[in-house]
Amino acid sequence: MQIIDARGLSCPEPVILTRQAMTSGADSYQVMVDNNTSKENVTRYAHHQGYKVQISEQDGEYTLLISK
């Protein structure tokens, strides 16, 4: 699993980091973001690429588990 820490970044940076990570061809990714907009945009991008997304939230930070 590849881990992408995009906390503190505003869109489109979290989506760009996720897209770059997906070029590695890994089966799963963990993306950490700290705002709702980034959570929604990364989720939308992952779905568009054919991935499933599980989201957990703790103290205003979101962890997205993205997998095929």
PDB file of N, CA and C in Angstrom:
ATOM      1  N   MET A   1       0.849  -1.182   0.000  1.00  0.00           N
ATOM      2  CA  MET A   1       0.000   0.000   0.000  1.00  0.00           C
ATOM      3  C   MET A   1       0.889   1.238   0.000  1.00  0.00           C
ATOM      4  N   GLN A   2       0.587   2.130  -0.900  1.00  0.00           N
ATOM      5  CA  GLN A   2       1.321   3.385  -0.967  1.00  0.00           C
ATOM      6  C   GLN A   2       0.579   4.429  -0.141  1.00  0.00           C
ATOM      7  N   ILE A   3       1.303   5.211   0.652  1.00  0.00           N
ATOM      8  CA  ILE A   3       0.697   6.219   1.520  1.00  0.00           C
ATOM      9  C   ILE A   3       0.996   7.607   0.975  1.00  0.00           C
ATOM     10  N   ILE A   4      -0.071   8.404   0.839  1.00  0.00           N
ATOM     11  CA  ILE A   4       0.048   9.779   0.358  1.00  0.00           C
ATOM     12  C   ILE A   4      -0.470  10.697   1.456  1.00  0.00           C
ATOM     13  N   ASP A   5       0.394  11.530   1.994  1.00  0.00           N
ATOM     14  CA  ASP A   5      -0.004  12.479   3.033  1.00  0.00           C
ATOM     15  C   ASP A   5      -0.213  13.833   2.374  1.00  0.00           C
ATOM     16  N   ALA A   6      -1.481  14.174   2.146  1.00  0.00           N
ATOM     17  CA  ALA A   6      -1.817  15.436   1.492  1.00  0.00           C
ATOM     18  C   ALA A   6      -2.447  16.415   2.480  1.00  0.00           C
ATOM     19  N   ARG A   7      -2.223  16.191   3.763  1.00  0.00           N
ATOM     20  CA  ARG A   7      -2.752  17.119   4.764  1.00  0.00           C
ATOM     21  C   ARG A   7      -2.052  18.462   4.625  1.00  0.00           C
ATOM     22  N   GLY A   8      -2.839  19.525   4.760  1.00  0.00           N
ATOM     23  CA  GLY A   8      -2.293  20.865   4.644  1.00  0.00           C
ATOM     24  C   GLY A   8      -2.228  21.382   3.218  1.00  0.00           C
ATOM     25  N   LEU A   9      -2.597  20.548   2.261  1.00  0.00           N
ATOM     26  CA  LEU A   9      -2.579  20.959   0.853  1.00  0.00           C
ATOM     27  C   LEU A   9      -3.999  21.248   0.386  1.00  0.00           C
ATOM     28  N   SER A  10      -4.127  22.226  -0.502  1.00  0.00           N
ATOM     29  CA  SER A  10      -5.448  22.524  -1.051  1.00  0.00           C
ATOM     30  C   SER A  10      -5.522  21.984  -2.470  1.00  0.00           C
ATOM     31  N   CYS A  11      -6.731  21.760  -2.932  1.00  0.00           N
ATOM     32  CA  CYS A  11      -6.927  21.217  -4.277  1.00  0.00           C
ATOM     33  C   CYS A  11      -6.402  22.195  -5.302  1.00  0.00           C
ATOM     34  N   PRO A  12      -5.841  21.671  -6.349  1.00  0.00           N
ATOM     35  CA  PRO A  12      -5.885  20.279  -6.811  1.00  0.00           C
ATOM     36  C   PRO A  12      -4.703  19.419  -6.361  1.00  0.00           C
ATOM     37  N   GLU A  13      -3.845  19.910  -5.459  1.00  0.00           N
ATOM     38  CA  GLU A  13      -2.637  19.171  -5.098  1.00  0.00           C
ATOM     39  C   GLU A  13      -2.888  17.745  -4.611  1.00  0.00           C
ATOM     40  N   PRO A  14      -3.869  17.486  -3.722  1.00  0.00           N
ATOM     41  CA  PRO A  14      -4.099  16.099  -3.302  1.00  0.00           C
ATOM     42  C   PRO A  14      -4.469  15.176  -4.461  1.00  0.00           C
ATOM     43  N   VAL A  15      -5.235  15.680  -5.410  1.00  0.00           N
ATOM     44  CA  VAL A  15      -5.611  14.877  -6.574  1.00  0.00           C
ATOM     45  C   VAL A  15      -4.381  14.614  -7.443  1.00  0.00           C
ATOM     46  N   ILE A  16      -3.543  15.609  -7.614  1.00  0.00           N
ATOM     47  CA  ILE A  16      -2.328  15.442  -8.419  1.00  0.00           C
ATOM     48  C   ILE A  16      -1.399  14.421  -7.779  1.00  0.00           C
ATOM     49  N   LEU A  17      -1.222  14.490  -6.457  1.00  0.00           N
ATOM     50  CA  LEU A  17      -0.372  13.512  -5.759  1.00  0.00           C
ATOM     51  C   LEU A  17      -0.939  12.106  -5.896  1.00  0.00           C
ATOM     52  N   THR A  18      -2.263  11.989  -5.805  1.00  0.00           N
ATOM     53  CA  THR A  18      -2.905  10.683  -5.954  1.00  0.00           C
ATOM     54  C   THR A  18      -2.713  10.158  -7.368  1.00  0.00           C
ATOM     55  N   ARG A  19      -2.907  11.004  -8.346  1.00  0.00           N
ATOM     56  CA  ARG A  19      -2.724  10.599  -9.745  1.00  0.00           C
ATOM     57  C   ARG A  19      -1.293  10.144  -9.996  1.00  0.00           C
ATOM     58  N   GLN A  20      -0.313  10.884  -9.480  1.00  0.00           N
ATOM     59  CA  GLN A  20       1.091  10.506  -9.653  1.00  0.00           C
ATOM     60  C   GLN A  20       1.370   9.160  -8.982  1.00  0.00           C
ATOM     61  N   ALA A  21       0.813   8.942  -7.795  1.00  0.00           N
ATOM     62  CA  ALA A  21       1.033   7.678  -7.087  1.00  0.00           C
ATOM     63  C   ALA A  21       0.435   6.516  -7.865  1.00  0.00           C
ATOM     64  N   MET A  22      -0.703   6.741  -8.500  1.00  0.00           N
ATOM     65  CA  MET A  22      -1.378   5.664  -9.227  1.00  0.00           C
ATOM     66  C   MET A  22      -0.585   5.201 -10.440  1.00  0.00           C
ATOM     67  N   THR A  23       0.357   5.992 -10.906  1.00  0.00           N
ATOM     68  CA  THR A  23       1.192   5.553 -12.022  1.00  0.00           C
ATOM     69  C   THR A  23       2.139   4.431 -11.610  1.00  0.00           C
ATOM     70  N   SER A  24       2.300   4.224 -10.301  1.00  0.00           N
ATOM     71  CA  SER A  24       3.180   3.152  -9.811  1.00  0.00           C
ATOM     72  C   SER A  24       2.574   1.777 -10.043  1.00  0.00           C
ATOM     73  N   GLY A  25       1.250   1.734 -10.224  1.00  0.00           N
ATOM     74  CA  GLY A  25       0.587   0.463 -10.478  1.00  0.00           C
ATOM     75  C   GLY A  25       0.283  -0.347  -9.234  1.00  0.00           C
ATOM     76  N   ALA A  26       0.404   0.250  -8.051  1.00  0.00           N
ATOM     77  CA  ALA A  26       0.077  -0.457  -6.808  1.00  0.00           C
ATOM     78  C   ALA A  26      -1.423  -0.781  -6.778  1.00  0.00           C
ATOM     79  N   ASP A  27      -1.783  -1.784  -5.977  1.00  0.00           N
ATOM     80  CA  ASP A  27      -3.189  -2.186  -5.880  1.00  0.00           C
ATOM     81  C   ASP A  27      -3.993  -1.317  -4.923  1.00  0.00           C
ATOM     82  N   SER A  28      -3.307  -0.676  -3.981  1.00  0.00           N
ATOM     83  CA  SER A  28      -4.042   0.122  -3.000  1.00  0.00           C
ATOM     84  C   SER A  28      -3.217   1.321  -2.551  1.00  0.00           C
ATOM     85  N   TYR A  29      -3.944   2.320  -2.081  1.00  0.00           N
ATOM     86  CA  TYR A  29      -3.346   3.578  -1.651  1.00  0.00           C
ATOM     87  C   TYR A  29      -4.074   4.064  -0.415  1.00  0.00           C
ATOM     88  N   GLN A  30      -3.340   4.732   0.456  1.00  0.00           N
ATOM     89  CA  GLN A  30      -3.943   5.403   1.595  1.00  0.00           C
ATOM     90  C   GLN A  30      -3.642   6.880   1.436  1.00  0.00           C
ATOM     91  N   VAL A  31      -4.705   7.683   1.329  1.00  0.00           N
ATOM     92  CA  VAL A  31      -4.538   9.119   1.142  1.00  0.00           C
ATOM     93  C   VAL A  31      -5.097   9.822   2.369  1.00  0.00           C
ATOM     94  N   MET A  32      -4.279  10.689   2.952  1.00  0.00           N
ATOM     95  CA  MET A  32      -4.711  11.452   4.125  1.00  0.00           C
ATOM     96  C   MET A  32      -4.898  12.906   3.725  1.00  0.00           C
ATOM     97  N   VAL A  33      -6.085  13.444   3.998  1.00  0.00           N
ATOM     98  CA  VAL A  33      -6.402  14.844   3.704  1.00  0.00           C
ATOM     99  C   VAL A  33      -7.074  15.451   4.927  1.00  0.00           C
ATOM    100  N   ASP A  34      -7.109  16.786   4.964  1.00  0.00           N
ATOM    101  CA  ASP A  34      -7.672  17.441   6.143  1.00  0.00           C
ATOM    102  C   ASP A  34      -8.776  18.442   5.821  1.00  0.00           C
ATOM    103  N   ASN A  35      -9.396  18.282   4.649  1.00  0.00           N
ATOM    104  CA  ASN A  35     -10.551  19.128   4.355  1.00  0.00           C
ATOM    105  C   ASN A  35     -11.527  18.373   3.450  1.00  0.00           C
ATOM    106  N   ASN A  36     -12.777  18.769   3.546  1.00  0.00           N
ATOM    107  CA  ASN A  36     -13.851  18.070   2.851  1.00  0.00           C
ATOM    108  C   ASN A  36     -13.706  18.154   1.328  1.00  0.00           C
ATOM    109  N   THR A  37     -13.282  19.302   0.825  1.00  0.00           N
ATOM    110  CA  THR A  37     -13.148  19.459  -0.619  1.00  0.00           C
ATOM    111  C   THR A  37     -12.137  18.469  -1.185  1.00  0.00           C
ATOM    112  N   SER A  38     -10.995  18.339  -0.539  1.00  0.00           N
ATOM    113  CA  SER A  38      -9.981  17.382  -0.996  1.00  0.00           C
ATOM    114  C   SER A  38     -10.502  15.963  -0.908  1.00  0.00           C
ATOM    115  N   LYS A  39     -11.221  15.651   0.167  1.00  0.00           N
ATOM    116  CA  LYS A  39     -11.800  14.318   0.320  1.00  0.00           C
ATOM    117  C   LYS A  39     -12.727  14.002  -0.847  1.00  0.00           C
ATOM    118  N   GLU A  40     -13.601  14.928  -1.182  1.00  0.00           N
ATOM    119  CA  GLU A  40     -14.559  14.712  -2.269  1.00  0.00           C
ATOM    120  C   GLU A  40     -13.852  14.601  -3.626  1.00  0.00           C
ATOM    121  N   ASN A  41     -12.875  15.464  -3.882  1.00  0.00           N
ATOM    122  CA  ASN A  41     -12.202  15.459  -5.177  1.00  0.00           C
ATOM    123  C   ASN A  41     -11.339  14.218  -5.383  1.00  0.00           C
ATOM    124  N   VAL A  42     -10.614  13.786  -4.345  1.00  0.00           N
ATOM    125  CA  VAL A  42      -9.797  12.572  -4.467  1.00  0.00           C
ATOM    126  C   VAL A  42     -10.706  11.361  -4.642  1.00  0.00           C
ATOM    127  N   THR A  43     -11.816  11.325  -3.899  1.00  0.00           N
ATOM    128  CA  THR A  43     -12.767  10.220  -4.024  1.00  0.00           C
ATOM    129  C   THR A  43     -13.334  10.159  -5.438  1.00  0.00           C
ATOM    130  N   ARG A  44     -13.726  11.291  -5.975  1.00  0.00           N
ATOM    131  CA  ARG A  44     -14.283  11.350  -7.327  1.00  0.00           C
ATOM    132  C   ARG A  44     -13.245  10.875  -8.352  1.00  0.00           C
ATOM    133  N   TYR A  45     -12.014  11.326  -8.203  1.00  0.00           N
ATOM    134  CA  TYR A  45     -10.963  10.919  -9.131  1.00  0.00           C
ATOM    135  C   TYR A  45     -10.727   9.408  -9.058  1.00  0.00           C
ATOM    136  N   ALA A  46     -10.649   8.867  -7.844  1.00  0.00           N
ATOM    137  CA  ALA A  46     -10.409   7.430  -7.675  1.00  0.00           C
ATOM    138  C   ALA A  46     -11.538   6.613  -8.299  1.00  0.00           C
ATOM    139  N   HIS A  47     -12.778   7.024  -8.075  1.00  0.00           N
ATOM    140  CA  HIS A  47     -13.914   6.317  -8.678  1.00  0.00           C
ATOM    141  C   HIS A  47     -13.825   6.373 -10.201  1.00  0.00           C
ATOM    142  N   HIS A  48     -13.447   7.522 -10.720  1.00  0.00           N
ATOM    143  CA  HIS A  48     -13.331   7.692 -12.170  1.00  0.00           C
ATOM    144  C   HIS A  48     -12.267   6.763 -12.756  1.00  0.00           C
ATOM    145  N   GLN A  49     -11.252   6.433 -11.947  1.00  0.00           N
ATOM    146  CA  GLN A  49     -10.175   5.543 -12.392  1.00  0.00           C
ATOM    147  C   GLN A  49     -10.496   4.068 -12.131  1.00  0.00           C
ATOM    148  N   GLY A  50     -11.694   3.794 -11.587  1.00  0.00           N
ATOM    149  CA  GLY A  50     -12.115   2.417 -11.370  1.00  0.00           C
ATOM    150  C   GLY A  50     -11.756   1.841 -10.017  1.00  0.00           C
ATOM    151  N   TYR A  51     -11.451   2.682  -9.059  1.00  0.00           N
ATOM    152  CA  TYR A  51     -11.097   2.238  -7.714  1.00  0.00           C
ATOM    153  C   TYR A  51     -12.294   2.355  -6.769  1.00  0.00           C
ATOM    154  N   LYS A  52     -12.262   1.560  -5.704  1.00  0.00           N
ATOM    155  CA  LYS A  52     -13.227   1.675  -4.612  1.00  0.00           C
ATOM    156  C   LYS A  52     -12.582   2.510  -3.519  1.00  0.00           C
ATOM    157  N   VAL A  53     -13.398   3.258  -2.784  1.00  0.00           N
ATOM    158  CA  VAL A  53     -12.866   4.139  -1.743  1.00  0.00           C
ATOM    159  C   VAL A  53     -13.615   3.917  -0.441  1.00  0.00           C
ATOM    160  N   GLN A  54     -12.860   3.701   0.633  1.00  0.00           N
ATOM    161  CA  GLN A  54     -13.410   3.644   1.984  1.00  0.00           C
ATOM    162  C   GLN A  54     -12.877   4.858   2.731  1.00  0.00           C
ATOM    163  N   ILE A  55     -13.769   5.592   3.397  1.00  0.00           N
ATOM    164  CA  ILE A  55     -13.383   6.834   4.053  1.00  0.00           C
ATOM    165  C   ILE A  55     -13.609   6.714   5.554  1.00  0.00           C
ATOM    166  N   SER A  56     -12.595   7.118   6.311  1.00  0.00           N
ATOM    167  CA  SER A  56     -12.755   7.225   7.759  1.00  0.00           C
ATOM    168  C   SER A  56     -12.351   8.636   8.159  1.00  0.00           C
ATOM    169  N   GLU A  57     -12.968   9.135   9.236  1.00  0.00           N
ATOM    170  CA  GLU A  57     -12.712  10.500   9.682  1.00  0.00           C
ATOM    171  C   GLU A  57     -12.379  10.474  11.167  1.00  0.00           C
ATOM    172  N   GLN A  58     -11.351  11.237  11.532  1.00  0.00           N
ATOM    173  CA  GLN A  58     -11.000  11.360  12.938  1.00  0.00           C
ATOM    174  C   GLN A  58     -10.437  12.752  13.175  1.00  0.00           C
ATOM    175  N   ASP A  59     -11.062  13.485  14.061  1.00  0.00           N
ATOM    176  CA  ASP A  59     -10.612  14.832  14.436  1.00  0.00           C
ATOM    177  C   ASP A  59     -10.448  15.755  13.233  1.00  0.00           C
ATOM    178  N   GLY A  60     -11.371  15.669  12.279  1.00  0.00           N
ATOM    179  CA  GLY A  60     -11.352  16.555  11.129  1.00  0.00           C
ATOM    180  C   GLY A  60     -10.375  16.157  10.035  1.00  0.00           C
ATOM    181  N   GLU A  61      -9.723  15.014  10.189  1.00  0.00           N
ATOM    182  CA  GLU A  61      -8.832  14.506   9.151  1.00  0.00           C
ATOM    183  C   GLU A  61      -9.430  13.246   8.563  1.00  0.00           C
ATOM    184  N   TYR A  62      -9.296  13.105   7.259  1.00  0.00           N
ATOM    185  CA  TYR A  62      -9.891  11.975   6.553  1.00  0.00           C
ATOM    186  C   TYR A  62      -8.792  11.048   6.043  1.00  0.00           C
ATOM    187  N   THR A  63      -9.051   9.752   6.172  1.00  0.00           N
ATOM    188  CA  THR A  63      -8.180   8.741   5.588  1.00  0.00           C
ATOM    189  C   THR A  63      -8.983   8.019   4.539  1.00  0.00           C
ATOM    190  N   LEU A  64      -8.491   8.040   3.318  1.00  0.00           N
ATOM    191  CA  LEU A  64      -9.164   7.364   2.201  1.00  0.00           C
ATOM    192  C   LEU A  64      -8.362   6.129   1.847  1.00  0.00           C
ATOM    193  N   LEU A  65      -8.998   4.978   1.937  1.00  0.00           N
ATOM    194  CA  LEU A  65      -8.377   3.741   1.524  1.00  0.00           C
ATOM    195  C   LEU A  65      -8.886   3.432   0.128  1.00  0.00           C
ATOM    196  N   ILE A  66      -8.007   3.509  -0.833  1.00  0.00           N
ATOM    197  CA  ILE A  66      -8.364   3.363  -2.242  1.00  0.00           C
ATOM    198  C   ILE A  66      -7.817   2.031  -2.730  1.00  0.00           C
ATOM    199  N   SER A  67      -8.712   1.219  -3.307  1.00  0.00           N
ATOM    200  CA  SER A  67      -8.274  -0.111  -3.784  1.00  0.00           C
ATOM    201  C   SER A  67      -9.056  -0.511  -5.019  1.00  0.00           C
ATOM    202  N   LYS A  68      -8.510  -1.472  -5.760  1.00  0.00           N
ATOM    203  CA  LYS A  68      -9.171  -1.999  -6.960  1.00  0.00           C
ATOM    204  C   LYS A  68     -10.294  -2.914  -6.562  1.00  0.00           C
TER     205      LYS A  68
END
